[in-house]
Amino acid sequence: MKVNLVVNGKHATVDADPAMPLLYALRDDLGLNNPKFGCGRAQCGACTVHVNGVPTRSCVTPVGSTAGKNVTTMSGLGTAEKPHPVQAAFIAEQVPQCGYCLNGWVMTAAALLRDNPTPSDAQIRTALAGLKCRCGTHMAILRAVKRAVTMIA
């Protein structure tokens, strides 16, 4: 079945079973490499994208449920020349180690700061709860989100 998507502002069509995970359509059919396959159970966050602005775990989201909705991946947030403030803050704080989990952290933080540009430490921690980083960069991630707050203000 043909599923019409809007990904990073561009229209795309994939020929897929509507029950197939959105992650597979993004990576395999559209060739995007930002959302990652982590756990396949919506528990780690590596596959996070925004669907109509809401952070969504694409590994468990049927592609058919996103037809006609706006899907934004990390590459749709900003460019190398003009990164999103969260992306710029992660670079400035030197957060990445292996980088595998960054997608979930950046996408979730971007949605948080869009909805609440001046979150408290507790609100930041609550928004990021459930995301996993095996390299242990959690403190650098928190610093980066706080830096992004100052960049947005």
Protein backbone atom coordinates (compact mmCIF):
# COMPACT_ATOMS: atom_id res chain seq x y z
CA MET A 1 0.00 0.00 0.00
CA LYS A 2 1.21 3.52 -0.71
CA VAL A 3 1.58 5.72 2.38
CA ASN A 4 2.00 9.46 1.86
CA LEU A 5 4.24 11.14 4.40
CA VAL A 6 5.54 14.64 5.03
CA VAL A 7 9.09 14.21 6.36
CA ASN A 8 11.20 17.24 7.26
CA GLY A 9 8.84 19.39 5.23
CA LYS A 10 9.07 17.27 2.08
CA HIS A 11 6.39 15.00 0.66
CA ALA A 12 7.36 11.36 0.32
CA THR A 13 5.55 8.17 -0.56
CA VAL A 14 6.51 4.73 0.67
CA ASP A 15 5.12 1.42 -0.51
CA ALA A 16 4.64 -0.39 2.77
CA ASP A 17 2.32 -2.33 5.00
CA PRO A 18 0.61 0.39 7.09
CA ALA A 19 1.50 -1.61 10.23
CA MET A 20 5.24 -1.42 9.50
CA PRO A 21 7.12 0.74 12.02
CA LEU A 22 7.68 4.32 10.90
CA LEU A 23 11.36 3.85 11.76
CA TYR A 24 11.77 1.31 8.96
CA ALA A 25 10.14 3.62 6.42
CA LEU A 26 12.40 6.50 7.48
CA ARG A 27 15.62 4.50 7.44
CA ASP A 28 15.08 1.82 4.82
CA ASP A 29 12.74 3.48 2.34
CA LEU A 30 13.73 7.15 2.70
CA GLY A 31 17.41 6.62 3.58
CA LEU A 32 17.42 8.79 6.70
CA ASN A 33 19.97 7.86 9.33
CA ASN A 34 19.07 10.03 12.31
CA PRO A 35 16.46 7.91 14.04
CA LYS A 36 18.21 4.74 15.18
CA PHE A 37 16.97 1.28 16.03
CA GLY A 38 17.78 0.83 19.69
CA CYS A 39 15.50 -1.49 21.59
CA GLY A 40 12.49 -1.86 19.30
CA ARG A 41 10.22 -1.47 22.32
CA ALA A 42 9.97 2.33 22.73
CA GLN A 43 12.11 2.16 25.88
CA CYS A 44 15.42 3.77 24.90
CA GLY A 45 14.44 6.73 22.70
CA ALA A 46 17.04 6.31 19.95
CA CYS A 47 14.23 6.24 17.38
CA THR A 48 12.48 9.44 18.52
CA VAL A 49 10.99 11.74 15.89
CA HIS A 50 8.35 14.45 16.11
CA VAL A 51 4.94 13.61 14.68
CA ASN A 52 2.98 16.85 14.43
CA GLY A 53 5.42 18.24 17.00
CA VAL A 54 5.02 15.44 19.55
CA PRO A 55 8.09 13.32 20.42
CA THR A 56 7.19 9.86 19.16
CA ARG A 57 9.04 6.54 19.31
CA SER A 58 9.12 5.57 15.65
CA CYS A 59 10.06 1.94 16.34
CA VAL A 60 6.53 1.20 17.58
CA THR A 61 4.55 3.74 15.56
CA PRO A 62 2.82 2.23 12.52
CA VAL A 63 3.77 4.15 9.37
CA GLY A 64 0.11 4.17 8.35
CA SER A 65 -0.81 6.18 11.46
CA THR A 66 1.46 9.01 10.30
CA ALA A 67 0.00 9.40 6.80
CA GLY A 68 -0.42 13.09 6.07
CA LYS A 69 1.11 14.15 9.38
CA ASN A 70 4.29 16.18 9.73
CA VAL A 71 7.22 13.96 10.70
CA THR A 72 10.42 15.72 11.74
CA THR A 73 13.71 13.92 12.26
CA MET A 74 16.83 15.37 13.84
CA SER A 75 18.11 16.36 10.41
CA GLY A 76 14.92 18.40 9.98
CA LEU A 77 15.58 20.50 13.10
CA GLY A 78 18.50 22.45 11.72
CA THR A 79 21.40 22.42 9.31
CA ALA A 80 25.16 22.33 9.75
CA GLU A 81 25.19 26.03 8.90
CA LYS A 82 22.27 26.90 11.20
CA PRO A 83 21.77 24.20 13.83
CA HIS A 84 18.79 24.16 16.14
CA PRO A 85 19.75 25.66 19.54
CA VAL A 86 19.62 22.21 21.14
CA GLN A 87 21.94 20.80 18.47
CA ALA A 88 24.31 23.77 18.92
CA ALA A 89 24.29 23.33 22.70
CA PHE A 90 25.06 19.60 22.43
CA ILE A 91 28.05 20.47 20.24
CA ALA A 92 29.20 23.26 22.56
CA GLU A 93 29.00 20.98 25.61
CA GLN A 94 30.77 18.18 23.70
CA VAL A 95 28.02 15.73 24.59
CA PRO A 96 28.49 13.09 21.89
CA GLN A 97 30.58 10.08 22.64
CA CYS A 98 29.34 7.23 20.50
CA GLY A 99 26.39 9.38 19.41
CA TYR A 100 23.95 6.52 19.02
CA CYS A 101 21.43 7.86 21.54
CA LEU A 102 21.68 11.56 20.61
CA ASN A 103 18.64 11.47 18.39
CA GLY A 104 16.31 10.77 21.32
CA TRP A 105 17.85 13.35 23.62
CA VAL A 106 17.93 16.14 21.03
CA MET A 107 14.43 15.52 19.72
CA THR A 108 12.93 15.29 23.20
CA ALA A 109 14.78 18.39 24.45
CA ALA A 110 13.77 20.38 21.36
CA ALA A 111 10.09 19.58 21.98
CA LEU A 112 10.43 20.44 25.67
CA LEU A 113 12.01 23.83 24.95
CA ARG A 114 9.48 24.62 22.24
CA ASP A 115 6.66 24.06 24.73
CA ASN A 116 8.46 25.42 27.80
CA PRO A 117 11.39 27.72 26.94
CA THR A 118 12.41 28.12 30.58
CA PRO A 119 12.03 24.72 32.25
CA SER A 120 13.23 24.03 35.77
CA ASP A 121 15.85 21.36 36.39
CA ALA A 122 13.07 19.04 37.57
CA GLN A 123 11.05 19.65 34.40
CA ILE A 124 14.10 18.90 32.25
CA ARG A 125 14.76 15.67 34.12
CA THR A 126 11.11 14.63 33.87
CA ALA A 127 10.98 15.31 30.13
CA LEU A 128 14.15 13.29 29.54
CA ALA A 129 13.19 10.41 31.82
CA GLY A 130 13.24 7.08 30.03
CA LEU A 131 15.94 7.99 27.53
CA LYS A 132 19.06 5.88 27.67
CA CYS A 133 22.73 6.72 27.14
CA ARG A 134 25.09 3.81 27.62
CA CYS A 135 28.16 6.08 27.50
CA GLY A 136 27.06 7.89 30.67
CA THR A 137 26.92 11.44 29.31
CA HIS A 138 23.81 12.32 31.33
CA MET A 139 25.38 15.28 33.14
CA ALA A 140 26.73 16.73 29.88
CA ILE A 141 23.27 16.29 28.35
CA LEU A 142 21.67 18.22 31.21
CA ARG A 143 24.27 20.99 30.80
CA ALA A 144 23.53 21.12 27.09
CA VAL A 145 19.78 21.44 27.60
CA LYS A 146 20.37 24.26 30.12
CA ARG A 147 22.70 25.95 27.62
CA ALA A 148 20.02 25.63 24.93
CA VAL A 149 17.61 27.44 27.26
CA THR A 150 19.94 30.45 27.27
CA MET A 151 20.34 30.27 23.49
CA ILE A 152 16.58 30.31 22.93
CA ALA A 153 15.87 33.15 25.35
